[in-house]
Amino acid sequence: MYHPLESATIRFDADDVTVSGFTLTGGMRGVDGKGDRTQIIDNIILSRVILIGSNQTIAQNSIEYGLLCDGSYNNIAANEFIGASMGGVAVGGSFNVVYSNMINDGRNRREWYWEHNNQK
């Protein structure tokens, strides 16, 4: 997760972290975190988001340059991914649910109602 050449606006290694109501600018990563029960809700994040942990909620955000979420029992809902073609949206682990997200690649705005529970 940590790469010394990539700065992060918010970096944490702790459980029960909530980031809500912020506009995050600067850094190659807007949020770079490791921990369980993380909540990233109602933010504008102008760079990548990388989260590792379980029982996380990533909802109602505007995120540029993609999301990587790895762990189990995570919910990714009602987000808008802007320029996601640059960084993509990747979800790994088990029992994660992804639904009601929007992808805007800079040319087209597409509703992404992929409901997926990636059970292993």
PDB file of N, CA and C in Angstrom:
ATOM      1  N   MET A   1       0.827  -1.191   0.000  1.00  0.00           N
ATOM      2  CA  MET A   1       0.000   0.000   0.000  1.00  0.00           C
ATOM      3  C   MET A   1       0.869   1.252   0.000  1.00  0.00           C
ATOM      4  N   TYR A   2       1.805   1.370   0.905  1.00  0.00           N
ATOM      5  CA  TYR A   2       2.610   2.585   1.017  1.00  0.00           C
ATOM      6  C   TYR A   2       3.714   2.596  -0.030  1.00  0.00           C
ATOM      7  N   HIS A   3       3.816   3.680  -0.718  1.00  0.00           N
ATOM      8  CA  HIS A   3       4.901   3.871  -1.670  1.00  0.00           C
ATOM      9  C   HIS A   3       5.478   5.257  -1.391  1.00  0.00           C
ATOM     10  N   PRO A   4       6.758   5.349  -1.026  1.00  0.00           N
ATOM     11  CA  PRO A   4       7.336   6.623  -0.596  1.00  0.00           C
ATOM     12  C   PRO A   4       7.304   7.731  -1.641  1.00  0.00           C
ATOM     13  N   LEU A   5       7.183   7.386  -2.920  1.00  0.00           N
ATOM     14  CA  LEU A   5       7.160   8.415  -3.949  1.00  0.00           C
ATOM     15  C   LEU A   5       5.753   8.938  -4.225  1.00  0.00           C
ATOM     16  N   GLU A   6       4.754   8.297  -3.653  1.00  0.00           N
ATOM     17  CA  GLU A   6       3.382   8.733  -3.859  1.00  0.00           C
ATOM     18  C   GLU A   6       2.849   9.368  -2.581  1.00  0.00           C
ATOM     19  N   SER A   7       2.595  10.651  -2.650  1.00  0.00           N
ATOM     20  CA  SER A   7       2.061  11.344  -1.485  1.00  0.00           C
ATOM     21  C   SER A   7       0.567  11.085  -1.367  1.00  0.00           C
ATOM     22  N   ALA A   8       0.054  11.199  -0.151  1.00  0.00           N
ATOM     23  CA  ALA A   8      -1.375  11.015   0.096  1.00  0.00           C
ATOM     24  C   ALA A   8      -1.883  12.191   0.907  1.00  0.00           C
ATOM     25  N   THR A   9      -3.089  12.653   0.578  1.00  0.00           N
ATOM     26  CA  THR A   9      -3.698  13.731   1.347  1.00  0.00           C
ATOM     27  C   THR A   9      -4.053  13.237   2.735  1.00  0.00           C
ATOM     28  N   ILE A  10      -4.631  12.030   2.810  1.00  0.00           N
ATOM     29  CA  ILE A  10      -4.929  11.388   4.098  1.00  0.00           C
ATOM     30  C   ILE A  10      -4.372   9.978   4.033  1.00  0.00           C
ATOM     31  N   ARG A  11      -3.532   9.624   4.997  1.00  0.00           N
ATOM     32  CA  ARG A  11      -2.975   8.270   5.087  1.00  0.00           C
ATOM     33  C   ARG A  11      -3.197   7.775   6.513  1.00  0.00           C
ATOM     34  N   PHE A  12      -3.710   6.542   6.636  1.00  0.00           N
ATOM     35  CA  PHE A  12      -3.929   5.986   7.978  1.00  0.00           C
ATOM     36  C   PHE A  12      -3.718   4.482   7.990  1.00  0.00           C
ATOM     37  N   ASP A  13      -3.440   3.971   9.173  1.00  0.00           N
ATOM     38  CA  ASP A  13      -3.337   2.543   9.447  1.00  0.00           C
ATOM     39  C   ASP A  13      -4.006   2.333  10.797  1.00  0.00           C
ATOM     40  N   ALA A  14      -5.346   2.295  10.785  1.00  0.00           N
ATOM     41  CA  ALA A  14      -6.129   2.221  12.025  1.00  0.00           C
ATOM     42  C   ALA A  14      -7.543   1.753  11.690  1.00  0.00           C
ATOM     43  N   ASP A  15      -8.224   1.197  12.665  1.00  0.00           N
ATOM     44  CA  ASP A  15      -9.619   0.803  12.513  1.00  0.00           C
ATOM     45  C   ASP A  15     -10.543   1.974  12.856  1.00  0.00           C
ATOM     46  N   ASP A  16     -11.798   1.879  12.380  1.00  0.00           N
ATOM     47  CA  ASP A  16     -12.866   2.826  12.719  1.00  0.00           C
ATOM     48  C   ASP A  16     -12.563   4.271  12.325  1.00  0.00           C
ATOM     49  N   VAL A  17     -11.980   4.468  11.156  1.00  0.00           N
ATOM     50  CA  VAL A  17     -11.695   5.813  10.644  1.00  0.00           C
ATOM     51  C   VAL A  17     -12.873   6.270   9.788  1.00  0.00           C
ATOM     52  N   THR A  18     -13.304   7.524   9.989  1.00  0.00           N
ATOM     53  CA  THR A  18     -14.353   8.121   9.165  1.00  0.00           C
ATOM     54  C   THR A  18     -13.817   9.390   8.516  1.00  0.00           C
ATOM     55  N   VAL A  19     -13.994   9.490   7.202  1.00  0.00           N
ATOM     56  CA  VAL A  19     -13.653  10.697   6.452  1.00  0.00           C
ATOM     57  C   VAL A  19     -14.947  11.122   5.766  1.00  0.00           C
ATOM     58  N   SER A  20     -15.484  12.274   6.149  1.00  0.00           N
ATOM     59  CA  SER A  20     -16.780  12.692   5.635  1.00  0.00           C
ATOM     60  C   SER A  20     -16.847  14.206   5.472  1.00  0.00           C
ATOM     61  N   GLY A  21     -17.391  14.648   4.333  1.00  0.00           N
ATOM     62  CA  GLY A  21     -17.638  16.060   4.108  1.00  0.00           C
ATOM     63  C   GLY A  21     -16.438  16.892   3.689  1.00  0.00           C
ATOM     64  N   PHE A  22     -15.402  16.276   3.157  1.00  0.00           N
ATOM     65  CA  PHE A  22     -14.187  16.993   2.788  1.00  0.00           C
ATOM     66  C   PHE A  22     -14.042  17.115   1.275  1.00  0.00           C
ATOM     67  N   THR A  23     -13.276  18.111   0.852  1.00  0.00           N
ATOM     68  CA  THR A  23     -12.742  18.180  -0.502  1.00  0.00           C
ATOM     69  C   THR A  23     -11.251  17.958  -0.369  1.00  0.00           C
ATOM     70  N   LEU A  24     -10.764  16.859  -0.947  1.00  0.00           N
ATOM     71  CA  LEU A  24      -9.358  16.486  -0.816  1.00  0.00           C
ATOM     72  C   LEU A  24      -8.652  16.741  -2.141  1.00  0.00           C
ATOM     73  N   THR A  25      -7.638  17.610  -2.106  1.00  0.00           N
ATOM     74  CA  THR A  25      -6.865  17.930  -3.302  1.00  0.00           C
ATOM     75  C   THR A  25      -5.394  17.681  -3.022  1.00  0.00           C
ATOM     76  N   GLY A  26      -4.622  17.526  -4.060  1.00  0.00           N
ATOM     77  CA  GLY A  26      -3.183  17.327  -3.895  1.00  0.00           C
ATOM     78  C   GLY A  26      -2.866  15.881  -3.594  1.00  0.00           C
ATOM     79  N   GLY A  27      -1.637  15.521  -3.824  1.00  0.00           N
ATOM     80  CA  GLY A  27      -1.208  14.150  -3.590  1.00  0.00           C
ATOM     81  C   GLY A  27      -1.610  13.247  -4.734  1.00  0.00           C
ATOM     82  N   MET A  28      -0.851  12.181  -4.919  1.00  0.00           N
ATOM     83  CA  MET A  28      -1.199  11.199  -5.939  1.00  0.00           C
ATOM     84  C   MET A  28      -2.346  10.325  -5.465  1.00  0.00           C
ATOM     85  N   ARG A  29      -2.483  10.231  -4.150  1.00  0.00           N
ATOM     86  CA  ARG A  29      -3.584   9.480  -3.559  1.00  0.00           C
ATOM     87  C   ARG A  29      -4.352  10.414  -2.632  1.00  0.00           C
ATOM     88  N   GLY A  30      -5.663  10.470  -2.814  1.00  0.00           N
ATOM     89  CA  GLY A  30      -6.479  11.289  -1.922  1.00  0.00           C
ATOM     90  C   GLY A  30      -6.599  10.642  -0.563  1.00  0.00           C
ATOM     91  N   VAL A  31      -6.890   9.331  -0.574  1.00  0.00           N
ATOM     92  CA  VAL A  31      -6.993   8.560   0.662  1.00  0.00           C
ATOM     93  C   VAL A  31      -6.221   7.272   0.449  1.00  0.00           C
ATOM     94  N   ASP A  32      -5.350   6.961   1.393  1.00  0.00           N
ATOM     95  CA  ASP A  32      -4.551   5.743   1.362  1.00  0.00           C
ATOM     96  C   ASP A  32      -4.660   5.148   2.756  1.00  0.00           C
ATOM     97  N   GLY A  33      -5.487   4.100   2.905  1.00  0.00           N
ATOM     98  CA  GLY A  33      -5.736   3.619   4.251  1.00  0.00           C
ATOM     99  C   GLY A  33      -5.812   2.124   4.390  1.00  0.00           C
ATOM    100  N   LYS A  34      -5.481   1.683   5.591  1.00  0.00           N
ATOM    101  CA  LYS A  34      -5.564   0.281   5.954  1.00  0.00           C
ATOM    102  C   LYS A  34      -6.245   0.199   7.309  1.00  0.00           C
ATOM    103  N   GLY A  35      -7.360  -0.547   7.367  1.00  0.00           N
ATOM    104  CA  GLY A  35      -8.071  -0.716   8.624  1.00  0.00           C
ATOM    105  C   GLY A  35      -9.480  -1.210   8.382  1.00  0.00           C
ATOM    106  N   ASP A  36     -10.110  -1.715   9.411  1.00  0.00           N
ATOM    107  CA  ASP A  36     -11.467  -2.228   9.320  1.00  0.00           C
ATOM    108  C   ASP A  36     -12.476  -1.159   9.743  1.00  0.00           C
ATOM    109  N   ARG A  37     -13.692  -1.307   9.203  1.00  0.00           N
ATOM    110  CA  ARG A  37     -14.819  -0.409   9.513  1.00  0.00           C
ATOM    111  C   ARG A  37     -14.557   1.046   9.109  1.00  0.00           C
ATOM    112  N   THR A  38     -13.795   1.244   8.060  1.00  0.00           N
ATOM    113  CA  THR A  38     -13.534   2.580   7.518  1.00  0.00           C
ATOM    114  C   THR A  38     -14.790   3.096   6.824  1.00  0.00           C
ATOM    115  N   GLN A  39     -15.067   4.378   6.984  1.00  0.00           N
ATOM    116  CA  GLN A  39     -16.174   5.012   6.280  1.00  0.00           C
ATOM    117  C   GLN A  39     -15.645   6.227   5.510  1.00  0.00           C
ATOM    118  N   ILE A  40     -15.802   6.187   4.203  1.00  0.00           N
ATOM    119  CA  ILE A  40     -15.446   7.305   3.333  1.00  0.00           C
ATOM    120  C   ILE A  40     -16.767   7.740   2.694  1.00  0.00           C
ATOM    121  N   ILE A  41     -17.351   8.815   3.197  1.00  0.00           N
ATOM    122  CA  ILE A  41     -18.715   9.182   2.816  1.00  0.00           C
ATOM    123  C   ILE A  41     -18.807  10.673   2.505  1.00  0.00           C
ATOM    124  N   ASP A  42     -19.452  10.996   1.379  1.00  0.00           N
ATOM    125  CA  ASP A  42     -19.817  12.361   1.014  1.00  0.00           C
ATOM    126  C   ASP A  42     -18.607  13.296   0.914  1.00  0.00           C
ATOM    127  N   ASN A  43     -17.615  12.875   0.115  1.00  0.00           N
ATOM    128  CA  ASN A  43     -16.409  13.672  -0.110  1.00  0.00           C
ATOM    129  C   ASN A  43     -16.222  13.946  -1.588  1.00  0.00           C
ATOM    130  N   ILE A  44     -15.422  14.948  -1.890  1.00  0.00           N
ATOM    131  CA  ILE A  44     -14.909  15.179  -3.232  1.00  0.00           C
ATOM    132  C   ILE A  44     -13.419  14.880  -3.144  1.00  0.00           C
ATOM    133  N   ILE A  45     -12.977  13.864  -3.866  1.00  0.00           N
ATOM    134  CA  ILE A  45     -11.593  13.401  -3.760  1.00  0.00           C
ATOM    135  C   ILE A  45     -10.969  13.494  -5.147  1.00  0.00           C
ATOM    136  N   LEU A  46     -10.020  14.411  -5.304  1.00  0.00           N
ATOM    137  CA  LEU A  46      -9.455  14.715  -6.607  1.00  0.00           C
ATOM    138  C   LEU A  46      -8.182  13.934  -6.908  1.00  0.00           C
ATOM    139  N   SER A  47      -8.125  12.693  -6.460  1.00  0.00           N
ATOM    140  CA  SER A  47      -7.052  11.768  -6.785  1.00  0.00           C
ATOM    141  C   SER A  47      -7.510  10.362  -6.401  1.00  0.00           C
ATOM    142  N   ARG A  48      -6.634   9.398  -6.482  1.00  0.00           N
ATOM    143  CA  ARG A  48      -7.003   7.996  -6.248  1.00  0.00           C
ATOM    144  C   ARG A  48      -7.343   7.715  -4.795  1.00  0.00           C
ATOM    145  N   VAL A  49      -8.127   6.651  -4.606  1.00  0.00           N
ATOM    146  CA  VAL A  49      -8.462   6.153  -3.269  1.00  0.00           C
ATOM    147  C   VAL A  49      -8.021   4.695  -3.207  1.00  0.00           C
ATOM    148  N   ILE A  50      -7.229   4.370  -2.197  1.00  0.00           N
ATOM    149  CA  ILE A  50      -6.760   2.997  -2.002  1.00  0.00           C
ATOM    150  C   ILE A  50      -7.066   2.608  -0.563  1.00  0.00           C
ATOM    151  N   LEU A  51      -7.899   1.564  -0.403  1.00  0.00           N
ATOM    152  CA  LEU A  51      -8.317   1.112   0.924  1.00  0.00           C
ATOM    153  C   LEU A  51      -8.157  -0.395   1.037  1.00  0.00           C
ATOM    154  N   ILE A  52      -7.623  -0.819   2.169  1.00  0.00           N
ATOM    155  CA  ILE A  52      -7.479  -2.239   2.455  1.00  0.00           C
ATOM    156  C   ILE A  52      -8.086  -2.492   3.827  1.00  0.00           C
ATOM    157  N   GLY A  53      -9.060  -3.405   3.886  1.00  0.00           N
ATOM    158  CA  GLY A  53      -9.701  -3.717   5.153  1.00  0.00           C
ATOM    159  C   GLY A  53     -11.081  -4.306   4.926  1.00  0.00           C
ATOM    160  N   SER A  54     -11.768  -4.610   6.003  1.00  0.00           N
ATOM    161  CA  SER A  54     -13.081  -5.227   5.932  1.00  0.00           C
ATOM    162  C   SER A  54     -14.145  -4.339   6.546  1.00  0.00           C
ATOM    163  N   ASN A  55     -15.388  -4.588   6.139  1.00  0.00           N
ATOM    164  CA  ASN A  55     -16.548  -3.847   6.637  1.00  0.00           C
ATOM    165  C   ASN A  55     -16.415  -2.350   6.394  1.00  0.00           C
ATOM    166  N   GLN A  56     -15.926  -1.988   5.219  1.00  0.00           N
ATOM    167  CA  GLN A  56     -15.757  -0.586   4.848  1.00  0.00           C
ATOM    168  C   GLN A  56     -16.974  -0.099   4.073  1.00  0.00           C
ATOM    169  N   THR A  57     -17.247   1.201   4.174  1.00  0.00           N
ATOM    170  CA  THR A  57     -18.300   1.827   3.386  1.00  0.00           C
ATOM    171  C   THR A  57     -17.683   2.977   2.607  1.00  0.00           C
ATOM    172  N   ILE A  58     -17.811   2.913   1.286  1.00  0.00           N
ATOM    173  CA  ILE A  58     -17.370   3.988   0.410  1.00  0.00           C
ATOM    174  C   ILE A  58     -18.629   4.433  -0.331  1.00  0.00           C
ATOM    175  N   ALA A  59     -19.192   5.573   0.057  1.00  0.00           N
ATOM    176  CA  ALA A  59     -20.514   5.952  -0.477  1.00  0.00           C
ATOM    177  C   ALA A  59     -20.643   7.456  -0.677  1.00  0.00           C
ATOM    178  N   GLN A  60     -21.378   7.825  -1.712  1.00  0.00           N
ATOM    179  CA  GLN A  60     -21.770   9.201  -2.000  1.00  0.00           C
ATOM    180  C   GLN A  60     -20.581  10.142  -2.170  1.00  0.00           C
ATOM    181  N   ASN A  61     -19.512   9.631  -2.788  1.00  0.00           N
ATOM    182  CA  ASN A  61     -18.315  10.428  -3.050  1.00  0.00           C
ATOM    183  C   ASN A  61     -18.201  10.743  -4.526  1.00  0.00           C
ATOM    184  N   SER A  62     -17.440  11.781  -4.829  1.00  0.00           N
ATOM    185  CA  SER A  62     -16.981  12.055  -6.176  1.00  0.00           C
ATOM    186  C   SER A  62     -15.479  11.781  -6.153  1.00  0.00           C
ATOM    187  N   ILE A  63     -15.036  10.784  -6.930  1.00  0.00           N
ATOM    188  CA  ILE A  63     -13.647  10.328  -6.869  1.00  0.00           C
ATOM    189  C   ILE A  63     -13.033  10.387  -8.259  1.00  0.00           C
ATOM    190  N   GLU A  64     -11.884  11.068  -8.374  1.00  0.00           N
ATOM    191  CA  GLU A  64     -11.152  11.096  -9.638  1.00  0.00           C
ATOM    192  C   GLU A  64     -10.071  10.030  -9.630  1.00  0.00           C
ATOM    193  N   TYR A  65      -9.790   9.505 -10.784  1.00  0.00           N
ATOM    194  CA  TYR A  65      -8.664   8.601 -11.031  1.00  0.00           C
ATOM    195  C   TYR A  65      -8.752   7.263 -10.334  1.00  0.00           C
ATOM    196  N   GLY A  66      -9.924   6.845  -9.915  1.00  0.00           N
ATOM    197  CA  GLY A  66     -10.122   5.465  -9.548  1.00  0.00           C
ATOM    198  C   GLY A  66     -10.089   5.113  -8.079  1.00  0.00           C
ATOM    199  N   LEU A  67     -10.452   3.850  -7.855  1.00  0.00           N
ATOM    200  CA  LEU A  67     -10.573   3.279  -6.513  1.00  0.00           C
ATOM    201  C   LEU A  67     -10.011   1.872  -6.516  1.00  0.00           C
ATOM    202  N   LEU A  68      -9.239   1.550  -5.501  1.00  0.00           N
ATOM    203  CA  LEU A  68      -8.830   0.178  -5.218  1.00  0.00           C
ATOM    204  C   LEU A  68      -9.325  -0.130  -3.816  1.00  0.00           C
ATOM    205  N   CYS A  69     -10.153  -1.139  -3.698  1.00  0.00           N
ATOM    206  CA  CYS A  69     -10.674  -1.551  -2.393  1.00  0.00           C
ATOM    207  C   CYS A  69     -10.456  -3.045  -2.278  1.00  0.00           C
ATOM    208  N   ASP A  70      -9.718  -3.470  -1.259  1.00  0.00           N
ATOM    209  CA  ASP A  70      -9.410  -4.877  -1.076  1.00  0.00           C
ATOM    210  C   ASP A  70      -9.779  -5.286   0.339  1.00  0.00           C
ATOM    211  N   GLY A  71     -10.514  -6.373   0.466  1.00  0.00           N
ATOM    212  CA  GLY A  71     -10.945  -6.862   1.770  1.00  0.00           C
ATOM    213  C   GLY A  71     -12.280  -7.563   1.640  1.00  0.00           C
ATOM    214  N   SER A  72     -12.971  -7.740   2.753  1.00  0.00           N
ATOM    215  CA  SER A  72     -14.234  -8.472   2.759  1.00  0.00           C
ATOM    216  C   SER A  72     -15.354  -7.655   3.375  1.00  0.00           C
ATOM    217  N   TYR A  73     -16.568  -7.939   2.915  1.00  0.00           N
ATOM    218  CA  TYR A  73     -17.784  -7.301   3.434  1.00  0.00           C
ATOM    219  C   TYR A  73     -17.764  -5.779   3.274  1.00  0.00           C
ATOM    220  N   ASN A  74     -17.250  -5.296   2.156  1.00  0.00           N
ATOM    221  CA  ASN A  74     -17.208  -3.863   1.875  1.00  0.00           C
ATOM    222  C   ASN A  74     -18.386  -3.468   0.995  1.00  0.00           C
ATOM    223  N   ASN A  75     -18.875  -2.249   1.184  1.00  0.00           N
ATOM    224  CA  ASN A  75     -19.969  -1.707   0.382  1.00  0.00           C
ATOM    225  C   ASN A  75     -19.481  -0.470  -0.357  1.00  0.00           C
ATOM    226  N   ILE A  76     -19.658  -0.467  -1.675  1.00  0.00           N
ATOM    227  CA  ILE A  76     -19.275   0.663  -2.522  1.00  0.00           C
ATOM    228  C   ILE A  76     -20.545   1.090  -3.252  1.00  0.00           C
ATOM    229  N   ALA A  77     -21.112   2.229  -2.848  1.00  0.00           N
ATOM    230  CA  ALA A  77     -22.434   2.596  -3.346  1.00  0.00           C
ATOM    231  C   ALA A  77     -22.574   4.087  -3.612  1.00  0.00           C
ATOM    232  N   ALA A  78     -23.319   4.422  -4.666  1.00  0.00           N
ATOM    233  CA  ALA A  78     -23.748   5.788  -4.968  1.00  0.00           C
ATOM    234  C   ALA A  78     -22.583   6.776  -5.093  1.00  0.00           C
ATOM    235  N   ASN A  79     -21.472   6.311  -5.665  1.00  0.00           N
ATOM    236  CA  ASN A  79     -20.319   7.172  -5.922  1.00  0.00           C
ATOM    237  C   ASN A  79     -20.319   7.597  -7.382  1.00  0.00           C
ATOM    238  N   GLU A  80     -19.642   8.718  -7.671  1.00  0.00           N
ATOM    239  CA  GLU A  80     -19.373   9.100  -9.050  1.00  0.00           C
ATOM    240  C   GLU A  80     -17.863   9.033  -9.238  1.00  0.00           C
ATOM    241  N   PHE A  81     -17.450   8.220 -10.200  1.00  0.00           N
ATOM    242  CA  PHE A  81     -16.042   8.084 -10.526  1.00  0.00           C
ATOM    243  C   PHE A  81     -15.772   8.903 -11.779  1.00  0.00           C
ATOM    244  N   ILE A  82     -14.935   9.925 -11.652  1.00  0.00           N
ATOM    245  CA  ILE A  82     -14.633  10.839 -12.744  1.00  0.00           C
ATOM    246  C   ILE A  82     -13.248  10.499 -13.272  1.00  0.00           C
ATOM    247  N   GLY A  83     -13.137  10.318 -14.573  1.00  0.00           N
ATOM    248  CA  GLY A  83     -11.840   9.965 -15.137  1.00  0.00           C
ATOM    249  C   GLY A  83     -11.383   8.597 -14.701  1.00  0.00           C
ATOM    250  N   ALA A  84     -12.334   7.722 -14.399  1.00  0.00           N
ATOM    251  CA  ALA A  84     -11.995   6.390 -13.883  1.00  0.00           C
ATOM    252  C   ALA A  84     -11.207   5.564 -14.889  1.00  0.00           C
ATOM    253  N   SER A  85     -11.263   5.941 -16.158  1.00  0.00           N
ATOM    254  CA  SER A  85     -10.481   5.203 -17.147  1.00  0.00           C
ATOM    255  C   SER A  85      -8.983   5.349 -16.882  1.00  0.00           C
ATOM    256  N   MET A  86      -8.590   6.384 -16.156  1.00  0.00           N
ATOM    257  CA  MET A  86      -7.183   6.587 -15.812  1.00  0.00           C
ATOM    258  C   MET A  86      -6.723   5.620 -14.730  1.00  0.00           C
ATOM    259  N   GLY A  87      -7.575   5.341 -13.755  1.00  0.00           N
ATOM    260  CA  GLY A  87      -7.160   4.502 -12.647  1.00  0.00           C
ATOM    261  C   GLY A  87      -8.037   3.293 -12.435  1.00  0.00           C
ATOM    262  N   GLY A  88      -9.219   3.298 -13.014  1.00  0.00           N
ATOM    263  CA  GLY A  88     -10.112   2.156 -12.906  1.00  0.00           C
ATOM    264  C   GLY A  88     -10.756   2.030 -11.533  1.00  0.00           C
ATOM    265  N   VAL A  89     -11.596   1.040 -11.442  1.00  0.00           N
ATOM    266  CA  VAL A  89     -12.249   0.691 -10.185  1.00  0.00           C
ATOM    267  C   VAL A  89     -11.975  -0.786  -9.977  1.00  0.00           C
ATOM    268  N   ALA A  90     -11.248  -1.112  -8.921  1.00  0.00           N
ATOM    269  CA  ALA A  90     -10.881  -2.499  -8.657  1.00  0.00           C
ATOM    270  C   ALA A  90     -11.315  -2.888  -7.253  1.00  0.00           C
ATOM    271  N   VAL A  91     -11.955  -4.050  -7.166  1.00  0.00           N
ATOM    272  CA  VAL A  91     -12.438  -4.552  -5.881  1.00  0.00           C
ATOM    273  C   VAL A  91     -11.951  -5.982  -5.741  1.00  0.00           C
ATOM    274  N   GLY A  92     -11.262  -6.253  -4.633  1.00  0.00           N
ATOM    275  CA  GLY A  92     -10.781  -7.600  -4.389  1.00  0.00           C
ATOM    276  C   GLY A  92     -11.243  -8.090  -3.027  1.00  0.00           C
ATOM    277  N   GLY A  93     -11.213  -9.391  -2.839  1.00  0.00           N
ATOM    278  CA  GLY A  93     -11.618  -9.964  -1.565  1.00  0.00           C
ATOM    279  C   GLY A  93     -12.895 -10.759  -1.705  1.00  0.00           C
ATOM    280  N   SER A  94     -13.646 -10.882  -0.607  1.00  0.00           N
ATOM    281  CA  SER A  94     -14.852 -11.707  -0.578  1.00  0.00           C
ATOM    282  C   SER A  94     -16.037 -10.939  -0.023  1.00  0.00           C
ATOM    283  N   PHE A  95     -17.222 -11.276  -0.512  1.00  0.00           N
ATOM    284  CA  PHE A  95     -18.490 -10.763   0.003  1.00  0.00           C
ATOM    285  C   PHE A  95     -18.594  -9.236  -0.061  1.00  0.00           C
ATOM    286  N   ASN A  96     -18.035  -8.639  -1.100  1.00  0.00           N
ATOM    287  CA  ASN A  96     -18.139  -7.195  -1.314  1.00  0.00           C
ATOM    288  C   ASN A  96     -19.354  -6.901  -2.184  1.00  0.00           C
ATOM    289  N   VAL A  97     -19.986  -5.756  -1.947  1.00  0.00           N
ATOM    290  CA  VAL A  97     -21.157  -5.363  -2.717  1.00  0.00           C
ATOM    291  C   VAL A  97     -20.878  -4.010  -3.364  1.00  0.00           C
ATOM    292  N   VAL A  98     -21.089  -3.943  -4.689  1.00  0.00           N
ATOM    293  CA  VAL A  98     -20.877  -2.722  -5.462  1.00  0.00           C
ATOM    294  C   VAL A  98     -22.191  -2.417  -6.179  1.00  0.00           C
ATOM    295  N   TYR A  99     -22.778  -1.228  -5.922  1.00  0.00           N
ATOM    296  CA  TYR A  99     -24.051  -0.928  -6.579  1.00  0.00           C
ATOM    297  C   TYR A  99     -24.306   0.571  -6.684  1.00  0.00           C
ATOM    298  N   SER A 100     -25.106   0.931  -7.685  1.00  0.00           N
ATOM    299  CA  SER A 100     -25.592   2.300  -7.910  1.00  0.00           C
ATOM    300  C   SER A 100     -24.480   3.337  -8.002  1.00  0.00           C
ATOM    301  N   ASN A 101     -23.404   3.004  -8.679  1.00  0.00           N
ATOM    302  CA  ASN A 101     -22.310   3.948  -8.900  1.00  0.00           C
ATOM    303  C   ASN A 101     -22.401   4.516 -10.310  1.00  0.00           C
ATOM    304  N   MET A 102     -21.769   5.667 -10.529  1.00  0.00           N
ATOM    305  CA  MET A 102     -21.770   6.329 -11.820  1.00  0.00           C
ATOM    306  C   MET A 102     -20.313   6.476 -12.269  1.00  0.00           C
ATOM    307  N   ILE A 103     -20.069   6.169 -13.541  1.00  0.00           N
ATOM    308  CA  ILE A 103     -18.731   6.366 -14.101  1.00  0.00           C
ATOM    309  C   ILE A 103     -18.817   7.446 -15.171  1.00  0.00           C
ATOM    310  N   ASN A 104     -17.963   8.452 -15.038  1.00  0.00           N
ATOM    311  CA  ASN A 104     -17.874   9.536 -16.012  1.00  0.00           C
ATOM    312  C   ASN A 104     -16.432   9.552 -16.502  1.00  0.00           C
ATOM    313  N   ASP A 105     -16.225   9.097 -17.739  1.00  0.00           N
ATOM    314  CA  ASP A 105     -14.855   8.985 -18.249  1.00  0.00           C
ATOM    315  C   ASP A 105     -14.364  10.256 -18.934  1.00  0.00           C
ATOM    316  N   GLY A 106     -15.088  11.357 -18.773  1.00  0.00           N
ATOM    317  CA  GLY A 106     -14.696  12.612 -19.388  1.00  0.00           C
ATOM    318  C   GLY A 106     -15.387  12.856 -20.718  1.00  0.00           C
ATOM    319  N   ARG A 107     -15.853  11.787 -21.327  1.00  0.00           N
ATOM    320  CA  ARG A 107     -16.579  11.908 -22.596  1.00  0.00           C
ATOM    321  C   ARG A 107     -18.042  11.546 -22.413  1.00  0.00           C
ATOM    322  N   ASN A 108     -18.287  10.524 -21.634  1.00  0.00           N
ATOM    323  CA  ASN A 108     -19.631  10.012 -21.440  1.00  0.00           C
ATOM    324  C   ASN A 108     -19.887   9.773 -19.960  1.00  0.00           C
ATOM    325  N   ARG A 109     -21.102  10.004 -19.574  1.00  0.00           N
ATOM    326  CA  ARG A 109     -21.502   9.711 -18.204  1.00  0.00           C
ATOM    327  C   ARG A 109     -22.381   8.473 -18.260  1.00  0.00           C
ATOM    328  N   ARG A 110     -21.976   7.452 -17.546  1.00  0.00           N
ATOM    329  CA  ARG A 110     -22.701   6.181 -17.593  1.00  0.00           C
ATOM    330  C   ARG A 110     -23.124   5.769 -16.198  1.00  0.00           C
ATOM    331  N   GLU A 111     -24.342   5.315 -16.116  1.00  0.00           N
ATOM    332  CA  GLU A 111     -24.794   4.764 -14.848  1.00  0.00           C
ATOM    333  C   GLU A 111     -24.237   3.361 -14.734  1.00  0.00           C
ATOM    334  N   TRP A 112     -23.770   3.040 -13.577  1.00  0.00           N
ATOM    335  CA  TRP A 112     -23.149   1.751 -13.335  1.00  0.00           C
ATOM    336  C   TRP A 112     -23.912   1.080 -12.215  1.00  0.00           C
ATOM    337  N   TYR A 113     -24.879   0.287 -12.592  1.00  0.00           N
ATOM    338  CA  TYR A 113     -25.699  -0.411 -11.608  1.00  0.00           C
ATOM    339  C   TYR A 113     -25.319  -1.872 -11.556  1.00  0.00           C
ATOM    340  N   TRP A 114     -24.050  -2.114 -11.411  1.00  0.00           N
ATOM    341  CA  TRP A 114     -23.544  -3.466 -11.310  1.00  0.00           C
ATOM    342  C   TRP A 114     -23.691  -3.895  -9.870  1.00  0.00           C
ATOM    343  N   GLU A 115     -24.519  -4.866  -9.654  1.00  0.00           N
ATOM    344  CA  GLU A 115     -24.656  -5.410  -8.307  1.00  0.00           C
ATOM    345  C   GLU A 115     -23.846  -6.698  -8.283  1.00  0.00           C
ATOM    346  N   HIS A 116     -22.898  -6.742  -7.402  1.00  0.00           N
ATOM    347  CA  HIS A 116     -21.982  -7.881  -7.405  1.00  0.00           C
ATOM    348  C   HIS A 116     -21.604  -8.228  -5.977  1.00  0.00           C
ATOM    349  N   ASN A 117     -21.702  -9.468  -5.697  1.00  0.00           N
ATOM    350  CA  ASN A 117     -21.268  -9.986  -4.416  1.00  0.00           C
ATOM    351  C   ASN A 117     -20.207 -11.035  -4.742  1.00  0.00           C
ATOM    352  N   ASN A 118     -18.944 -10.658  -4.634  1.00  0.00           N
ATOM    353  CA  ASN A 118     -17.870 -11.543  -5.096  1.00  0.00           C
ATOM    354  C   ASN A 118     -17.493 -12.570  -4.036  1.00  0.00           C
ATOM    355  N   GLN A 119     -18.372 -13.533  -3.832  1.00  0.00           N
ATOM    356  CA  GLN A 119     -18.109 -14.593  -2.877  1.00  0.00           C
ATOM    357  C   GLN A 119     -17.041 -15.518  -3.417  1.00  0.00           C
ATOM    358  N   LYS A 120     -16.167 -15.960  -2.543  1.00  0.00           N
ATOM    359  CA  LYS A 120     -15.136 -16.928  -2.953  1.00  0.00           C
ATOM    360  C   LYS A 120     -15.460 -18.278  -2.371  1.00  0.00           C
TER     361      LYS A 120
END
